[in-house]
Amino acid sequence: SVANDVAKYFAIIPAMFVTLYPGLGVLNVMGLATPESA
């Protein structure tokens, strides 16, 4: 569960802040389609 939560951060945190901090786009290691989709 704990490891699972850590991995989920890489999905949702870049998606949330990418419009405010474009540099966070490099953390979108999963290549998710859009922030809403992520």
PDB file of all heavy atoms in Angstrom:
ATOM      1  N   SER A   1       0.823  -1.207   0.000  1.00  0.00           N
ATOM      2  CA  SER A   1       0.000   0.000   0.000  1.00  0.00           C
ATOM      3  C   SER A   1       0.857   1.257   0.000  1.00  0.00           C
ATOM      4  O   SER A   1       0.615   2.198  -0.772  1.00  0.00           O
ATOM      5  CB  SER A   1      -0.931  -0.003   1.214  1.00  0.00           C
ATOM      6  OG  SER A   1      -1.688   1.188   1.280  1.00  0.00           O
ATOM      7  N   VAL A   2       1.881   1.291   0.866  1.00  0.00           N
ATOM      8  CA  VAL A   2       2.734   2.478   0.947  1.00  0.00           C
ATOM      9  C   VAL A   2       3.500   2.680  -0.355  1.00  0.00           C
ATOM     10  O   VAL A   2       3.569   3.793  -0.901  1.00  0.00           O
ATOM     11  CB  VAL A   2       3.706   2.352   2.136  1.00  0.00           C
ATOM     12  CG1 VAL A   2       4.722   3.491   2.124  1.00  0.00           C
ATOM     13  CG2 VAL A   2       2.935   2.349   3.456  1.00  0.00           C
ATOM     14  N   ALA A   3       4.075   1.584  -0.882  1.00  0.00           N
ATOM     15  CA  ALA A   3       4.803   1.687  -2.154  1.00  0.00           C
ATOM     16  C   ALA A   3       3.863   2.089  -3.285  1.00  0.00           C
ATOM     17  O   ALA A   3       4.227   2.875  -4.179  1.00  0.00           O
ATOM     18  CB  ALA A   3       5.467   0.346  -2.472  1.00  0.00           C
ATOM     19  N   ASN A   4       2.650   1.584  -3.230  1.00  0.00           N
ATOM     20  CA  ASN A   4       1.629   1.892  -4.221  1.00  0.00           C
ATOM     21  C   ASN A   4       1.312   3.396  -4.224  1.00  0.00           C
ATOM     22  O   ASN A   4       1.191   4.030  -5.280  1.00  0.00           O
ATOM     23  CB  ASN A   4       0.387   1.070  -3.866  1.00  0.00           C
ATOM     24  CG  ASN A   4      -0.708   1.162  -4.880  1.00  0.00           C
ATOM     25  OD1 ASN A   4      -0.545   0.725  -6.006  1.00  0.00           O
ATOM     26  ND2 ASN A   4      -1.835   1.724  -4.484  1.00  0.00           N
ATOM     27  N   ASP A   5       1.206   3.979  -3.022  1.00  0.00           N
ATOM     28  CA  ASP A   5       0.898   5.405  -2.920  1.00  0.00           C
ATOM     29  C   ASP A   5       2.032   6.257  -3.481  1.00  0.00           C
ATOM     30  O   ASP A   5       1.794   7.273  -4.146  1.00  0.00           O
ATOM     31  CB  ASP A   5       0.641   5.776  -1.448  1.00  0.00           C
ATOM     32  CG  ASP A   5      -0.666   5.186  -0.931  1.00  0.00           C
ATOM     33  OD1 ASP A   5      -1.534   4.874  -1.747  1.00  0.00           O
ATOM     34  OD2 ASP A   5      -0.791   5.016   0.301  1.00  0.00           O
ATOM     35  N   VAL A   6       3.268   5.847  -3.205  1.00  0.00           N
ATOM     36  CA  VAL A   6       4.415   6.601  -3.720  1.00  0.00           C
ATOM     37  C   VAL A   6       4.376   6.663  -5.242  1.00  0.00           C
ATOM     38  O   VAL A   6       4.610   7.712  -5.856  1.00  0.00           O
ATOM     39  CB  VAL A   6       5.735   5.960  -3.238  1.00  0.00           C
ATOM     40  CG1 VAL A   6       6.933   6.602  -3.942  1.00  0.00           C
ATOM     41  CG2 VAL A   6       5.870   6.095  -1.726  1.00  0.00           C
ATOM     42  N   ALA A   7       4.064   5.515  -5.879  1.00  0.00           N
ATOM     43  CA  ALA A   7       4.023   5.470  -7.342  1.00  0.00           C
ATOM     44  C   ALA A   7       2.905   6.353  -7.892  1.00  0.00           C
ATOM     45  O   ALA A   7       3.061   6.972  -8.960  1.00  0.00           O
ATOM     46  CB  ALA A   7       3.845   4.035  -7.812  1.00  0.00           C
ATOM     47  N   LYS A   8       1.785   6.443  -7.166  1.00  0.00           N
ATOM     48  CA  LYS A   8       0.662   7.257  -7.662  1.00  0.00           C
ATOM     49  C   LYS A   8       0.999   8.744  -7.687  1.00  0.00           C
ATOM     50  O   LYS A   8       0.436   9.506  -8.470  1.00  0.00           O
ATOM     51  CB  LYS A   8      -0.581   7.011  -6.792  1.00  0.00           C
ATOM     52  CG  LYS A   8      -1.271   5.682  -7.072  1.00  0.00           C
ATOM     53  CD  LYS A   8      -2.538   5.527  -6.261  1.00  0.00           C
ATOM     54  CE  LYS A   8      -2.267   5.377  -4.790  1.00  0.00           C
ATOM     55  NZ  LYS A   8      -3.463   5.079  -3.993  1.00  0.00           N
ATOM     56  N   TYR A   9       1.941   9.161  -6.833  1.00  0.00           N
ATOM     57  CA  TYR A   9       2.309  10.572  -6.822  1.00  0.00           C
ATOM     58  C   TYR A   9       2.853  11.009  -8.178  1.00  0.00           C
ATOM     59  O   TYR A   9       2.650  12.144  -8.617  1.00  0.00           O
ATOM     60  CB  TYR A   9       3.361  10.849  -5.745  1.00  0.00           C
ATOM     61  CG  TYR A   9       2.990  10.416  -4.353  1.00  0.00           C
ATOM     62  CD1 TYR A   9       3.968  10.207  -3.379  1.00  0.00           C
ATOM     63  CD2 TYR A   9       1.654  10.194  -4.000  1.00  0.00           C
ATOM     64  CE1 TYR A   9       3.629   9.805  -2.097  1.00  0.00           C
ATOM     65  CE2 TYR A   9       1.320   9.788  -2.719  1.00  0.00           C
ATOM     66  CZ  TYR A   9       2.305   9.589  -1.775  1.00  0.00           C
ATOM     67  OH  TYR A   9       1.981   9.179  -0.511  1.00  0.00           O
ATOM     68  N   PHE A  10       3.570  10.087  -8.851  1.00  0.00           N
ATOM     69  CA  PHE A  10       4.155  10.427 -10.149  1.00  0.00           C
ATOM     70  C   PHE A  10       3.082  10.616 -11.223  1.00  0.00           C
ATOM     71  O   PHE A  10       3.338  11.205 -12.263  1.00  0.00           O
ATOM     72  CB  PHE A  10       5.127   9.329 -10.593  1.00  0.00           C
ATOM     73  CG  PHE A  10       6.434   9.368  -9.870  1.00  0.00           C
ATOM     74  CD1 PHE A  10       6.626   8.620  -8.717  1.00  0.00           C
ATOM     75  CD2 PHE A  10       7.470  10.168 -10.317  1.00  0.00           C
ATOM     76  CE1 PHE A  10       7.831   8.657  -8.038  1.00  0.00           C
ATOM     77  CE2 PHE A  10       8.682  10.213  -9.636  1.00  0.00           C
ATOM     78  CZ  PHE A  10       8.869   9.457  -8.489  1.00  0.00           C
ATOM     79  N   ALA A  11       1.896  10.092 -10.966  1.00  0.00           N
ATOM     80  CA  ALA A  11       0.817  10.259 -11.935  1.00  0.00           C
ATOM     81  C   ALA A  11       0.067  11.558 -11.715  1.00  0.00           C
ATOM     82  O   ALA A  11      -0.176  12.326 -12.654  1.00  0.00           O
ATOM     83  CB  ALA A  11      -0.147   9.077 -11.843  1.00  0.00           C
ATOM     84  N   ILE A  12      -0.296  11.857 -10.469  1.00  0.00           N
ATOM     85  CA  ILE A  12      -1.239  12.952 -10.247  1.00  0.00           C
ATOM     86  C   ILE A  12      -0.566  14.297  -9.968  1.00  0.00           C
ATOM     87  O   ILE A  12      -1.061  15.347 -10.386  1.00  0.00           O
ATOM     88  CB  ILE A  12      -2.216  12.586  -9.103  1.00  0.00           C
ATOM     89  CG1 ILE A  12      -3.445  13.506  -9.158  1.00  0.00           C
ATOM     90  CG2 ILE A  12      -1.543  12.612  -7.768  1.00  0.00           C
ATOM     91  CD1 ILE A  12      -4.590  13.038  -8.298  1.00  0.00           C
ATOM     92  N   ILE A  13       0.587  14.301  -9.292  1.00  0.00           N
ATOM     93  CA  ILE A  13       1.207  15.591  -8.943  1.00  0.00           C
ATOM     94  C   ILE A  13       1.677  16.357 -10.184  1.00  0.00           C
ATOM     95  O   ILE A  13       1.384  17.557 -10.328  1.00  0.00           O
ATOM     96  CB  ILE A  13       2.342  15.385  -7.923  1.00  0.00           C
ATOM     97  CG1 ILE A  13       1.737  14.936  -6.588  1.00  0.00           C
ATOM     98  CG2 ILE A  13       3.157  16.667  -7.736  1.00  0.00           C
ATOM     99  CD1 ILE A  13       2.749  14.661  -5.495  1.00  0.00           C
ATOM    100  N   PRO A  14       2.415  15.709 -11.131  1.00  0.00           N
ATOM    101  CA  PRO A  14       2.774  16.474 -12.344  1.00  0.00           C
ATOM    102  C   PRO A  14       1.555  16.977 -13.103  1.00  0.00           C
ATOM    103  O   PRO A  14       1.563  18.087 -13.645  1.00  0.00           O
ATOM    104  CB  PRO A  14       3.561  15.446 -13.177  1.00  0.00           C
ATOM    105  CG  PRO A  14       4.057  14.459 -12.192  1.00  0.00           C
ATOM    106  CD  PRO A  14       2.993  14.355 -11.158  1.00  0.00           C
ATOM    107  N   ALA A  15       0.499  16.158 -13.147  1.00  0.00           N
ATOM    108  CA  ALA A  15      -0.711  16.557 -13.874  1.00  0.00           C
ATOM    109  C   ALA A  15      -1.363  17.780 -13.238  1.00  0.00           C
ATOM    110  O   ALA A  15      -1.900  18.650 -13.935  1.00  0.00           O
ATOM    111  CB  ALA A  15      -1.694  15.395 -13.903  1.00  0.00           C
ATOM    112  N   MET A  16      -1.312  17.876 -11.916  1.00  0.00           N
ATOM    113  CA  MET A  16      -1.956  18.991 -11.229  1.00  0.00           C
ATOM    114  C   MET A  16      -1.222  20.307 -11.447  1.00  0.00           C
ATOM    115  O   MET A  16      -1.820  21.364 -11.628  1.00  0.00           O
ATOM    116  CB  MET A  16      -2.015  18.711  -9.720  1.00  0.00           C
ATOM    117  CG  MET A  16      -3.092  17.735  -9.309  1.00  0.00           C
ATOM    118  SD  MET A  16      -3.108  17.583  -7.526  1.00  0.00           S
ATOM    119  CE  MET A  16      -3.369  19.269  -7.051  1.00  0.00           C
ATOM    120  N   PHE A  17       0.101  20.248 -11.423  1.00  0.00           N
ATOM    121  CA  PHE A  17       0.880  21.487 -11.378  1.00  0.00           C
ATOM    122  C   PHE A  17       1.534  21.865 -12.704  1.00  0.00           C
ATOM    123  O   PHE A  17       2.212  22.882 -12.772  1.00  0.00           O
ATOM    124  CB  PHE A  17       1.969  21.363 -10.305  1.00  0.00           C
ATOM    125  CG  PHE A  17       1.435  21.284  -8.912  1.00  0.00           C
ATOM    126  CD1 PHE A  17       1.350  20.075  -8.247  1.00  0.00           C
ATOM    127  CD2 PHE A  17       0.992  22.435  -8.266  1.00  0.00           C
ATOM    128  CE1 PHE A  17       0.856  20.001  -6.963  1.00  0.00           C
ATOM    129  CE2 PHE A  17       0.492  22.362  -6.975  1.00  0.00           C
ATOM    130  CZ  PHE A  17       0.412  21.145  -6.317  1.00  0.00           C
ATOM    131  N   VAL A  18       1.332  21.036 -13.742  1.00  0.00           N
ATOM    132  CA  VAL A  18       2.060  21.291 -14.985  1.00  0.00           C
ATOM    133  C   VAL A  18       1.700  22.637 -15.609  1.00  0.00           C
ATOM    134  O   VAL A  18       2.540  23.291 -16.243  1.00  0.00           O
ATOM    135  CB  VAL A  18       1.838  20.136 -15.990  1.00  0.00           C
ATOM    136  CG1 VAL A  18       0.409  20.148 -16.532  1.00  0.00           C
ATOM    137  CG2 VAL A  18       2.862  20.208 -17.116  1.00  0.00           C
ATOM    138  N   THR A  19       0.435  23.084 -15.417  1.00  0.00           N
ATOM    139  CA  THR A  19       0.054  24.387 -16.001  1.00  0.00           C
ATOM    140  C   THR A  19       0.681  25.539 -15.237  1.00  0.00           C
ATOM    141  O   THR A  19       0.932  26.610 -15.808  1.00  0.00           O
ATOM    142  CB  THR A  19      -1.483  24.548 -15.999  1.00  0.00           C
ATOM    143  OG1 THR A  19      -1.961  24.392 -14.659  1.00  0.00           O
ATOM    144  CG2 THR A  19      -2.134  23.513 -16.908  1.00  0.00           C
ATOM    145  N   LEU A  20       0.913  25.353 -13.927  1.00  0.00           N
ATOM    146  CA  LEU A  20       1.536  26.392 -13.123  1.00  0.00           C
ATOM    147  C   LEU A  20       3.055  26.345 -13.217  1.00  0.00           C
ATOM    148  O   LEU A  20       3.722  27.380 -13.226  1.00  0.00           O
ATOM    149  CB  LEU A  20       1.107  26.241 -11.653  1.00  0.00           C
ATOM    150  CG  LEU A  20      -0.402  26.376 -11.375  1.00  0.00           C
ATOM    151  CD1 LEU A  20      -0.688  26.107  -9.907  1.00  0.00           C
ATOM    152  CD2 LEU A  20      -0.897  27.764 -11.769  1.00  0.00           C
ATOM    153  N   TYR A  21       3.587  25.125 -13.256  1.00  0.00           N
ATOM    154  CA  TYR A  21       5.036  24.929 -13.335  1.00  0.00           C
ATOM    155  C   TYR A  21       5.326  23.973 -14.491  1.00  0.00           C
ATOM    156  O   TYR A  21       5.427  22.756 -14.304  1.00  0.00           O
ATOM    157  CB  TYR A  21       5.574  24.343 -12.022  1.00  0.00           C
ATOM    158  CG  TYR A  21       5.268  25.178 -10.809  1.00  0.00           C
ATOM    159  CD1 TYR A  21       4.214  24.849  -9.964  1.00  0.00           C
ATOM    160  CD2 TYR A  21       6.036  26.304 -10.497  1.00  0.00           C
ATOM    161  CE1 TYR A  21       3.929  25.612  -8.837  1.00  0.00           C
ATOM    162  CE2 TYR A  21       5.761  27.072  -9.387  1.00  0.00           C
ATOM    163  CZ  TYR A  21       4.708  26.725  -8.557  1.00  0.00           C
ATOM    164  OH  TYR A  21       4.426  27.481  -7.452  1.00  0.00           O
ATOM    165  N   PRO A  22       5.452  24.495 -15.697  1.00  0.00           N
ATOM    166  CA  PRO A  22       5.646  23.646 -16.874  1.00  0.00           C
ATOM    167  C   PRO A  22       6.831  22.697 -16.747  1.00  0.00           C
ATOM    168  O   PRO A  22       6.838  21.616 -17.345  1.00  0.00           O
ATOM    169  CB  PRO A  22       5.862  24.656 -18.002  1.00  0.00           C
ATOM    170  CG  PRO A  22       5.161  25.900 -17.534  1.00  0.00           C
ATOM    171  CD  PRO A  22       5.360  25.934 -16.065  1.00  0.00           C
ATOM    172  N   GLY A  23       7.826  23.088 -15.964  1.00  0.00           N
ATOM    173  CA  GLY A  23       8.996  22.228 -15.808  1.00  0.00           C
ATOM    174  C   GLY A  23       8.674  20.872 -15.203  1.00  0.00           C
ATOM    175  O   GLY A  23       9.426  19.909 -15.352  1.00  0.00           O
ATOM    176  N   LEU A  24       7.521  20.756 -14.496  1.00  0.00           N
ATOM    177  CA  LEU A  24       7.140  19.476 -13.882  1.00  0.00           C
ATOM    178  C   LEU A  24       6.727  18.437 -14.922  1.00  0.00           C
ATOM    179  O   LEU A  24       6.535  17.270 -14.595  1.00  0.00           O
ATOM    180  CB  LEU A  24       5.986  19.679 -12.885  1.00  0.00           C
ATOM    181  CG  LEU A  24       6.338  20.403 -11.579  1.00  0.00           C
ATOM    182  CD1 LEU A  24       5.088  20.590 -10.734  1.00  0.00           C
ATOM    183  CD2 LEU A  24       7.378  19.616 -10.797  1.00  0.00           C
ATOM    184  N   GLY A  25       6.609  18.871 -16.165  1.00  0.00           N
ATOM    185  CA  GLY A  25       6.225  17.923 -17.213  1.00  0.00           C
ATOM    186  C   GLY A  25       7.213  16.786 -17.352  1.00  0.00           C
ATOM    187  O   GLY A  25       6.861  15.688 -17.798  1.00  0.00           O
ATOM    188  N   VAL A  26       8.488  17.021 -16.962  1.00  0.00           N
ATOM    189  CA  VAL A  26       9.490  15.945 -17.070  1.00  0.00           C
ATOM    190  C   VAL A  26       9.187  14.793 -16.119  1.00  0.00           C
ATOM    191  O   VAL A  26       9.700  13.691 -16.291  1.00  0.00           O
ATOM    192  CB  VAL A  26      10.908  16.503 -16.791  1.00  0.00           C
ATOM    193  CG1 VAL A  26      11.282  17.559 -17.812  1.00  0.00           C
ATOM    194  CG2 VAL A  26      11.014  17.062 -15.371  1.00  0.00           C
ATOM    195  N   LEU A  27       8.372  15.057 -15.092  1.00  0.00           N
ATOM    196  CA  LEU A  27       8.005  13.989 -14.150  1.00  0.00           C
ATOM    197  C   LEU A  27       6.863  13.116 -14.661  1.00  0.00           C
ATOM    198  O   LEU A  27       6.518  12.122 -14.034  1.00  0.00           O
ATOM    199  CB  LEU A  27       7.598  14.597 -12.797  1.00  0.00           C
ATOM    200  CG  LEU A  27       8.712  15.329 -12.027  1.00  0.00           C
ATOM    201  CD1 LEU A  27       8.159  15.879 -10.725  1.00  0.00           C
ATOM    202  CD2 LEU A  27       9.883  14.393 -11.755  1.00  0.00           C
ATOM    203  N   ASN A  28       6.299  13.494 -15.800  1.00  0.00           N
ATOM    204  CA  ASN A  28       5.216  12.683 -16.372  1.00  0.00           C
ATOM    205  C   ASN A  28       5.824  11.466 -17.073  1.00  0.00           C
ATOM    206  O   ASN A  28       5.741  11.302 -18.283  1.00  0.00           O
ATOM    207  CB  ASN A  28       4.384  13.521 -17.347  1.00  0.00           C
ATOM    208  CG  ASN A  28       3.169  12.757 -17.874  1.00  0.00           C
ATOM    209  OD1 ASN A  28       2.784  11.726 -17.317  1.00  0.00           O
ATOM    210  ND2 ASN A  28       2.583  13.262 -18.956  1.00  0.00           N
ATOM    211  N   VAL A  29       6.488  10.639 -16.256  1.00  0.00           N
ATOM    212  CA  VAL A  29       7.229   9.501 -16.807  1.00  0.00           C
ATOM    213  C   VAL A  29       6.312   8.460 -17.442  1.00  0.00           C
ATOM    214  O   VAL A  29       6.763   7.628 -18.227  1.00  0.00           O
ATOM    215  CB  VAL A  29       8.087   8.840 -15.708  1.00  0.00           C
ATOM    216  CG1 VAL A  29       9.185   9.794 -15.256  1.00  0.00           C
ATOM    217  CG2 VAL A  29       7.232   8.405 -14.526  1.00  0.00           C
ATOM    218  N   MET A  30       5.020   8.485 -17.092  1.00  0.00           N
ATOM    219  CA  MET A  30       4.090   7.518 -17.667  1.00  0.00           C
ATOM    220  C   MET A  30       3.574   7.960 -19.036  1.00  0.00           C
ATOM    221  O   MET A  30       2.930   7.182 -19.734  1.00  0.00           O
ATOM    222  CB  MET A  30       2.890   7.300 -16.730  1.00  0.00           C
ATOM    223  CG  MET A  30       3.255   6.752 -15.363  1.00  0.00           C
ATOM    224  SD  MET A  30       1.771   6.395 -14.394  1.00  0.00           S
ATOM    225  CE  MET A  30       2.439   6.281 -12.752  1.00  0.00           C
ATOM    226  N   GLY A  31       3.819   9.207 -19.373  1.00  0.00           N
ATOM    227  CA  GLY A  31       3.317   9.700 -20.648  1.00  0.00           C
ATOM    228  C   GLY A  31       1.808   9.726 -20.706  1.00  0.00           C
ATOM    229  O   GLY A  31       1.190   9.354 -21.717  1.00  0.00           O
ATOM    230  N   LEU A  32       1.168  10.170 -19.615  1.00  0.00           N
ATOM    231  CA  LEU A  32      -0.288  10.205 -19.549  1.00  0.00           C
ATOM    232  C   LEU A  32      -0.832  11.294 -20.474  1.00  0.00           C
ATOM    233  O   LEU A  32      -0.212  12.343 -20.662  1.00  0.00           O
ATOM    234  CB  LEU A  32      -0.739  10.438 -18.111  1.00  0.00           C
ATOM    235  CG  LEU A  32      -0.219   9.384 -17.106  1.00  0.00           C
ATOM    236  CD1 LEU A  32      -0.662   9.718 -15.705  1.00  0.00           C
ATOM    237  CD2 LEU A  32      -0.670   7.976 -17.492  1.00  0.00           C
ATOM    238  N   ALA A  33      -2.011  11.044 -21.052  1.00  0.00           N
ATOM    239  CA  ALA A  33      -2.547  11.857 -22.150  1.00  0.00           C
ATOM    240  C   ALA A  33      -2.776  13.310 -21.752  1.00  0.00           C
ATOM    241  O   ALA A  33      -2.243  14.235 -22.374  1.00  0.00           O
ATOM    242  CB  ALA A  33      -3.843  11.236 -22.675  1.00  0.00           C
ATOM    243  N   THR A  34      -3.579  13.541 -20.713  1.00  0.00           N
ATOM    244  CA  THR A  34      -3.926  14.900 -20.289  1.00  0.00           C
ATOM    245  C   THR A  34      -3.946  14.950 -18.770  1.00  0.00           C
ATOM    246  O   THR A  34      -4.025  13.913 -18.105  1.00  0.00           O
ATOM    247  CB  THR A  34      -5.328  15.301 -20.803  1.00  0.00           C
ATOM    248  OG1 THR A  34      -6.303  14.456 -20.165  1.00  0.00           O
ATOM    249  CG2 THR A  34      -5.427  15.152 -22.317  1.00  0.00           C
ATOM    250  N   PRO A  35      -3.886  16.150 -18.172  1.00  0.00           N
ATOM    251  CA  PRO A  35      -3.988  16.251 -16.712  1.00  0.00           C
ATOM    252  C   PRO A  35      -5.267  15.606 -16.167  1.00  0.00           C
ATOM    253  O   PRO A  35      -5.228  14.904 -15.159  1.00  0.00           O
ATOM    254  CB  PRO A  35      -3.959  17.765 -16.469  1.00  0.00           C
ATOM    255  CG  PRO A  35      -3.176  18.305 -17.611  1.00  0.00           C
ATOM    256  CD  PRO A  35      -3.554  17.457 -18.781  1.00  0.00           C
ATOM    257  N   GLU A  36      -6.406  15.855 -16.821  1.00  0.00           N
ATOM    258  CA  GLU A  36      -7.659  15.263 -16.348  1.00  0.00           C
ATOM    259  C   GLU A  36      -7.613  13.743 -16.431  1.00  0.00           C
ATOM    260  O   GLU A  36      -8.066  13.028 -15.530  1.00  0.00           O
ATOM    261  CB  GLU A  36      -8.840  15.808 -17.157  1.00  0.00           C
ATOM    262  CG  GLU A  36      -9.241  17.230 -16.801  1.00  0.00           C
ATOM    263  CD  GLU A  36     -10.553  17.634 -17.449  1.00  0.00           C
ATOM    264  OE1 GLU A  36     -11.046  16.863 -18.305  1.00  0.00           O
ATOM    265  OE2 GLU A  36     -11.087  18.693 -17.105  1.00  0.00           O
ATOM    266  N   SER A  37      -7.062  13.233 -17.530  1.00  0.00           N
ATOM    267  CA  SER A  37      -6.957  11.783 -17.690  1.00  0.00           C
ATOM    268  C   SER A  37      -6.061  11.183 -16.615  1.00  0.00           C
ATOM    269  O   SER A  37      -6.355  10.117 -16.065  1.00  0.00           O
ATOM    270  CB  SER A  37      -6.412  11.448 -19.081  1.00  0.00           C
ATOM    271  OG  SER A  37      -6.176  10.061 -19.204  1.00  0.00           O
ATOM    272  N   ALA A  38      -4.956  11.864 -16.297  1.00  0.00           N
ATOM    273  CA  ALA A  38      -4.036  11.363 -15.271  1.00  0.00           C
ATOM    274  C   ALA A  38      -4.716  11.287 -13.912  1.00  0.00           C
ATOM    275  O   ALA A  38      -4.591  10.294 -13.184  1.00  0.00           O
ATOM    276  CB  ALA A  38      -2.810  12.272 -15.202  1.00  0.00           C
TER     277      ALA A  38
END
